[in-house]
Each structure stands twice: as structure tokens, then as C-alpha cells.
C-alpha atoms as a PDB file:
ATOM      1  CA  MET A   1      29.802  50.769 100.945  1.00  0.00           C
ATOM      2  CA  THR A   2      30.376  54.090 101.116  1.00  0.00           C
ATOM      3  CA  LEU A   3      33.201  54.833 104.240  1.00  0.00           C
ATOM      4  CA  GLU A   4      32.983  58.501 105.452  1.00  0.00           C
ATOM      5  CA  PHE A   5      35.346  59.684 108.033  1.00  0.00           C
ATOM      6  CA  ARG A   6      35.955  62.002 110.607  1.00  0.00           C
ATOM      7  CA  SER A   7      38.517  63.212 112.975  1.00  0.00           C
ATOM      8  CA  THR A   8      37.033  65.364 115.871  1.00  0.00           C
ATOM      9  CA  PRO A   9      36.188  62.522 118.849  1.00  0.00           C
ATOM     10  CA  THR A  10      32.244  62.781 120.523  1.00  0.00           C
ATOM     11  CA  ALA A  11      30.845  61.434 123.790  1.00  0.00           C
ATOM     12  CA  GLU A  12      29.248  58.880 121.624  1.00  0.00           C
ATOM     13  CA  ASP A  13      32.458  57.643 120.412  1.00  0.00           C
ATOM     14  CA  ARG A  14      33.301  55.935 123.884  1.00  0.00           C
ATOM     15  CA  ALA A  15      31.245  52.783 123.516  1.00  0.00           C
ATOM     16  CA  ALA A  16      32.023  52.213 120.425  1.00  0.00           C
ATOM     17  CA  VAL A  17      35.414  52.167 120.757  1.00  0.00           C
ATOM     18  CA  PHE A  18      34.928  50.078 123.777  1.00  0.00           C
ATOM     19  CA  ALA A  19      32.433  47.996 121.415  1.00  0.00           C
ATOM     20  CA  ILE A  20      34.805  47.611 118.485  1.00  0.00           C
ATOM     21  CA  VAL A  21      37.885  46.720 120.831  1.00  0.00           C
ATOM     22  CA  ALA A  22      36.568  44.593 122.992  1.00  0.00           C
ATOM     23  CA  GLY A  23      34.451  42.827 120.728  1.00  0.00           C
ATOM     24  CA  SER A  24      37.502  41.903 118.252  1.00  0.00           C
ATOM     25  CA  GLY A  25      38.740  38.480 120.384  1.00  0.00           C
ATOM     26  CA  PHE A  26      42.003  40.255 120.106  1.00  0.00           C
ATOM     27  CA  PHE A  27      42.049  42.492 123.207  1.00  0.00           C
ATOM     28  CA  SER A  28      40.884  42.351 127.061  1.00  0.00           C
ATOM     29  CA  GLU A  29      38.157  44.230 128.451  1.00  0.00           C
ATOM     30  CA  ALA A  30      40.694  46.369 130.525  1.00  0.00           C
ATOM     31  CA  GLU A  31      43.265  46.774 127.157  1.00  0.00           C
ATOM     32  CA  ALA A  32      39.405  48.236 125.824  1.00  0.00           C
ATOM     33  CA  ALA A  33      39.020  50.610 128.634  1.00  0.00           C
ATOM     34  CA  ILE A  34      42.691  52.151 127.758  1.00  0.00           C
ATOM     35  CA  ALA A  35      41.183  52.801 124.055  1.00  0.00           C
ATOM     36  CA  VAL A  36      38.365  54.906 125.465  1.00  0.00           C
ATOM     37  CA  GLU A  37      40.698  56.815 128.403  1.00  0.00           C
ATOM     38  CA  LEU A  38      42.475  57.791 124.826  1.00  0.00           C
ATOM     39  CA  VAL A  39      38.912  59.501 123.979  1.00  0.00           C
ATOM     40  CA  ASP A  40      38.213  61.083 126.779  1.00  0.00           C
ATOM     41  CA  ALA A  41      41.767  62.873 127.212  1.00  0.00           C
ATOM     42  CA  ALA A  42      40.753  64.337 123.722  1.00  0.00           C
ATOM     43  CA  LEU A  43      37.495  64.984 124.587  1.00  0.00           C
ATOM     44  CA  GLU A  44      38.750  66.443 127.617  1.00  0.00           C
ATOM     45  CA  LYS A  45      42.018  68.315 126.132  1.00  0.00           C
ATOM     46  CA  GLY A  46      41.637  68.299 122.572  1.00  0.00           C
ATOM     47  CA  GLU A  47      45.101  67.932 120.209  1.00  0.00           C
ATOM     48  CA  ALA A  48      46.669  69.117 123.418  1.00  0.00           C
ATOM     49  CA  SER A  49      45.888  66.047 124.588  1.00  0.00           C
ATOM     50  CA  GLY A  50      48.404  63.962 122.057  1.00  0.00           C
ATOM     51  CA  TYR A  51      45.854  61.994 120.598  1.00  0.00           C
ATOM     52  CA  CYS A  52      44.465  62.772 116.758  1.00  0.00           C
ATOM     53  CA  PHE A  53      42.007  60.405 115.861  1.00  0.00           C
ATOM     54  CA  LEU A  54      40.177  58.853 112.599  1.00  0.00           C
ATOM     55  CA  PHE A  55      36.567  57.290 113.127  1.00  0.00           C
ATOM     56  CA  ALA A  56      35.345  55.695 109.753  1.00  0.00           C
ATOM     57  CA  GLN A  57      31.410  55.078 109.374  1.00  0.00           C
ATOM     58  CA  VAL A  58      28.939  53.813 107.400  1.00  0.00           C
ATOM     59  CA  ASP A  59      25.652  55.896 107.514  1.00  0.00           C
ATOM     60  CA  GLY A  60      26.416  57.777 110.623  1.00  0.00           C
ATOM     61  CA  ALA A  61      27.584  53.627 112.141  1.00  0.00           C
ATOM     62  CA  LEU A  62      30.979  53.534 113.327  1.00  0.00           C
ATOM     63  CA  VAL A  63      32.920  50.976 111.511  1.00  0.00           C
ATOM     64  CA  GLY A  64      36.463  51.439 113.138  1.00  0.00           C
ATOM     65  CA  TYR A  65      38.832  54.031 114.007  1.00  0.00           C
ATOM     66  CA  THR A  66      42.379  54.635 114.488  1.00  0.00           C
ATOM     67  CA  ALA A  67      44.044  56.865 117.516  1.00  0.00           C
ATOM     68  CA  PHE A  68      47.717  58.262 116.708  1.00  0.00           C
ATOM     69  CA  GLY A  69      49.651  61.097 117.685  1.00  0.00           C
ATOM     70  CA  PRO A  70      53.539  62.499 117.634  1.00  0.00           C
ATOM     71  CA  ILE A  71      56.254  60.861 119.580  1.00  0.00           C
ATOM     72  CA  PRO A  72      57.647  63.755 121.938  1.00  0.00           C
ATOM     73  CA  GLY A  73      61.005  64.283 121.546  1.00  0.00           C
ATOM     74  CA  THR A  74      60.684  63.342 118.254  1.00  0.00           C
ATOM     75  CA  ASP A  75      61.342  65.455 114.755  1.00  0.00           C
ATOM     76  CA  SER A  76      58.825  64.061 112.592  1.00  0.00           C
ATOM     77  CA  SER A  77      57.703  60.444 114.700  1.00  0.00           C
ATOM     78  CA  TRP A  78      53.946  59.618 115.328  1.00  0.00           C
ATOM     79  CA  ASP A  79      52.672  56.239 117.037  1.00  0.00           C
ATOM     80  CA  LEU A  80      49.804  54.827 115.138  1.00  0.00           C
ATOM     81  CA  TYR A  81      48.327  53.938 119.423  1.00  0.00           C
ATOM     82  CA  TRP A  82      45.235  51.653 118.173  1.00  0.00           C
ATOM     83  CA  ILE A  83      43.423  50.483 114.895  1.00  0.00           C
ATOM     84  CA  ALA A  84      40.173  49.084 115.305  1.00  0.00           C
ATOM     85  CA  VAL A  85      37.418  47.480 112.670  1.00  0.00           C
ATOM     86  CA  ASP A  86      34.117  46.422 114.039  1.00  0.00           C
ATOM     87  CA  ASP A  87      34.525  42.752 113.447  1.00  0.00           C
ATOM     88  CA  ALA A  88      31.760  42.620 111.042  1.00  0.00           C
ATOM     89  CA  ARG A  89      33.046  44.634 108.798  1.00  0.00           C
ATOM     90  CA  ARG A  90      36.215  42.717 108.540  1.00  0.00           C
ATOM     91  CA  GLY A  91      37.497  41.994 105.111  1.00  0.00           C
ATOM     92  CA  GLU A  92      35.211  44.832 103.517  1.00  0.00           C
ATOM     93  CA  GLY A  93      38.942  47.100 103.208  1.00  0.00           C
ATOM     94  CA  VAL A  94      37.887  49.477 106.000  1.00  0.00           C
ATOM     95  CA  GLY A  95      41.405  48.936 107.864  1.00  0.00           C
ATOM     96  CA  GLN A  96      43.196  49.539 105.009  1.00  0.00           C
ATOM     97  CA  ALA A  97      40.920  52.683 104.241  1.00  0.00           C
ATOM     98  CA  LEU A  98      41.599  53.858 107.601  1.00  0.00           C
ATOM     99  CA  ILE A  99      45.437  53.262 107.742  1.00  0.00           C
ATOM    100  CA  ALA A 100      46.223  55.067 104.141  1.00  0.00           C
ATOM    101  CA  ALA A 101      43.899  58.154 105.473  1.00  0.00           C
ATOM    102  CA  THR A 102      45.747  58.374 108.994  1.00  0.00           C
ATOM    103  CA  GLU A 103      48.919  58.227 107.114  1.00  0.00           C
ATOM    104  CA  ALA A 104      48.155  61.096 104.511  1.00  0.00           C
ATOM    105  CA  ARG A 105      47.187  62.689 107.969  1.00  0.00           C
ATOM    106  CA  VAL A 106      50.282  62.013 109.627  1.00  0.00           C
ATOM    107  CA  LEU A 107      52.023  63.438 106.537  1.00  0.00           C
ATOM    108  CA  GLU A 108      49.903  66.692 106.749  1.00  0.00           C
ATOM    109  CA  ARG A 109      51.037  67.190 109.895  1.00  0.00           C
ATOM    110  CA  GLY A 110      54.853  67.479 109.219  1.00  0.00           C
ATOM    111  CA  GLY A 111      55.162  63.526 110.095  1.00  0.00           C
ATOM    112  CA  THR A 112      57.405  61.278 108.328  1.00  0.00           C
ATOM    113  CA  ARG A 113      57.412  57.969 110.305  1.00  0.00           C
ATOM    114  CA  LEU A 114      54.464  56.348 111.519  1.00  0.00           C
ATOM    115  CA  TYR A 115      55.429  52.975 114.451  1.00  0.00           C
ATOM    116  CA  ALA A 116      52.564  50.246 115.323  1.00  0.00           C
ATOM    117  CA  ASP A 117      53.550  47.708 117.889  1.00  0.00           C
ATOM    118  CA  THR A 118      51.306  44.919 118.092  1.00  0.00           C
ATOM    119  CA  SER A 119      51.356  41.799 119.459  1.00  0.00           C
ATOM    120  CA  SER A 120      54.171  38.897 118.881  1.00  0.00           C
ATOM    121  CA  ARG A 121      52.004  36.264 119.454  1.00  0.00           C
ATOM    122  CA  ALA A 122      50.521  33.558 116.689  1.00  0.00           C
ATOM    123  CA  GLN A 123      47.175  35.033 116.854  1.00  0.00           C
ATOM    124  CA  TYR A 124      48.250  38.301 115.625  1.00  0.00           C
ATOM    125  CA  ALA A 125      49.401  36.810 112.377  1.00  0.00           C
ATOM    126  CA  PRO A 126      46.538  38.594 110.665  1.00  0.00           C
ATOM    127  CA  THR A 127      47.833  41.918 112.021  1.00  0.00           C
ATOM    128  CA  HIS A 128      50.739  41.258 110.960  1.00  0.00           C
ATOM    129  CA  ARG A 129      50.063  40.690 106.958  1.00  0.00           C
ATOM    130  CA  PHE A 130      48.079  43.415 107.495  1.00  0.00           C
ATOM    131  CA  TYR A 131      50.786  45.733 108.167  1.00  0.00           C
ATOM    132  CA  GLU A 132      53.209  44.208 105.792  1.00  0.00           C
ATOM    133  CA  ARG A 133      50.350  45.136 102.776  1.00  0.00           C
ATOM    134  CA  ALA A 134      50.361  48.479 103.866  1.00  0.00           C
ATOM    135  CA  GLY A 135      54.223  48.584 103.670  1.00  0.00           C
ATOM    136  CA  TYR A 136      55.451  48.479 106.920  1.00  0.00           C
ATOM    137  CA  VAL A 137      58.265  47.190 108.044  1.00  0.00           C
ATOM    138  CA  ALA A 138      59.306  44.918 110.866  1.00  0.00           C
ATOM    139  CA  GLU A 139      61.811  46.439 112.734  1.00  0.00           C
ATOM    140  CA  ALA A 140      62.167  45.111 116.477  1.00  0.00           C
ATOM    141  CA  GLU A 141      60.690  42.651 118.571  1.00  0.00           C
ATOM    142  CA  LEU A 142      60.559  42.862 122.387  1.00  0.00           C
ATOM    143  CA  VAL A 143      60.876  39.018 124.148  1.00  0.00           C
ATOM    144  CA  ASP A 144      57.660  38.634 126.515  1.00  0.00           C
ATOM    145  CA  TYR A 145      57.053  42.380 126.673  1.00  0.00           C
ATOM    146  CA  TYR A 146      53.537  41.948 127.428  1.00  0.00           C
ATOM    147  CA  ARG A 147      54.205  38.889 129.389  1.00  0.00           C
ATOM    148  CA  PRO A 148      55.496  35.541 129.163  1.00  0.00           C
ATOM    149  CA  GLY A 149      54.587  34.266 125.591  1.00  0.00           C
ATOM    150  CA  ASP A 150      53.771  37.598 124.511  1.00  0.00           C
ATOM    151  CA  GLY A 151      55.919  39.737 123.061  1.00  0.00           C
ATOM    152  CA  ARG A 152      56.209  43.574 121.234  1.00  0.00           C
ATOM    153  CA  ARG A 153      56.193  44.126 117.507  1.00  0.00           C
ATOM    154  CA  THR A 154      57.063  47.177 115.913  1.00  0.00           C
ATOM    155  CA  TYR A 155      56.427  48.213 112.542  1.00  0.00           C
ATOM    156  CA  THR A 156      57.461  50.959 110.944  1.00  0.00           C
ATOM    157  CA  LYS A 157      56.671  52.728 107.794  1.00  0.00           C
ATOM    158  CA  VAL A 158      58.912  56.265 106.094  1.00  0.00           C
ATOM    159  CA  LEU A 159      55.865  58.094 104.571  1.00  0.00           C
ATOM    160  CA  GLY A 160      55.928  60.166 101.877  1.00  0.00           C
END
């Protein structure tokens, strides 16, 4: 499998992002709609939207993506808003390739820290292991953040 990366969103990415996020089994349809809203913002405003993307493709088909951006009011901290891989491609290294390439892009733009928020639910144990294998540290957990029994866990990685 040869991954190709691109950073400019297209109108066709809207449906592909929705399908990847909604098909993951981790996110609700409303959350998938939020993922598409970020694509829409970038399509409308470009970099002024505050959202950067990295799309991973195999033979022209979108197989995963990240959405990330600088955190306003900080010198060099960035948020990783979304990382999602097509369910059929999980376990093939797409996620690790995406996170590494995203970190490189953040570094190129002067970022020194990358933050990723995720659910604390047991369903997200594979996600927690993913971040930890990639060198992220769980720095904070807010209990019942999303809803009762569903806290927010924040992972951080110092880049460079």
C-alpha cells in the first residue's frame, strides 16, 4: 500500500470524511457532521479558518485524515481536532503515518506541542494505546465532560 498525502480539502472530501467518521463506530452522526463542518470552514475560508488538514489516499481514495490547527492565544501549541481512518484500513499503519506526517507539518509551522482530546470511555482503549505508542502522554482527564460516564482525556506530545 502506498499512501499519498495532500493538505488542501476538496468538496468531495465532505462525504468521504463523513463516511469515515460515522463508519468508525466511535462517533455519533452529530459528531460526524461536526467533522464535515471543519471541512466546510476550510473550503470557505482557507487557512483563515484556523483548520489545517492532511488527507491520506490510496489509489486516489481517501483512507484517513487529520484536522489540526494552532491554538489561539498560545505561542506554539496546536490542537489535533480529528484523526480518523477508514475502518477497512485500520491496522495497516495509516493512523501512525498520518500522526507522524501531521506532527511534521505542525513543526514546520513553528508548533512545539500537539494536544489531542478523546473520550475516557473503555471503548476508546485502542485510541489511548494509539496515542501512547505515538509518544503522547495523558496529561488531564475531566470527568463527565461529554456526558455522565464519558470524560475527556487530553493527550500531549512535545514535538521536535
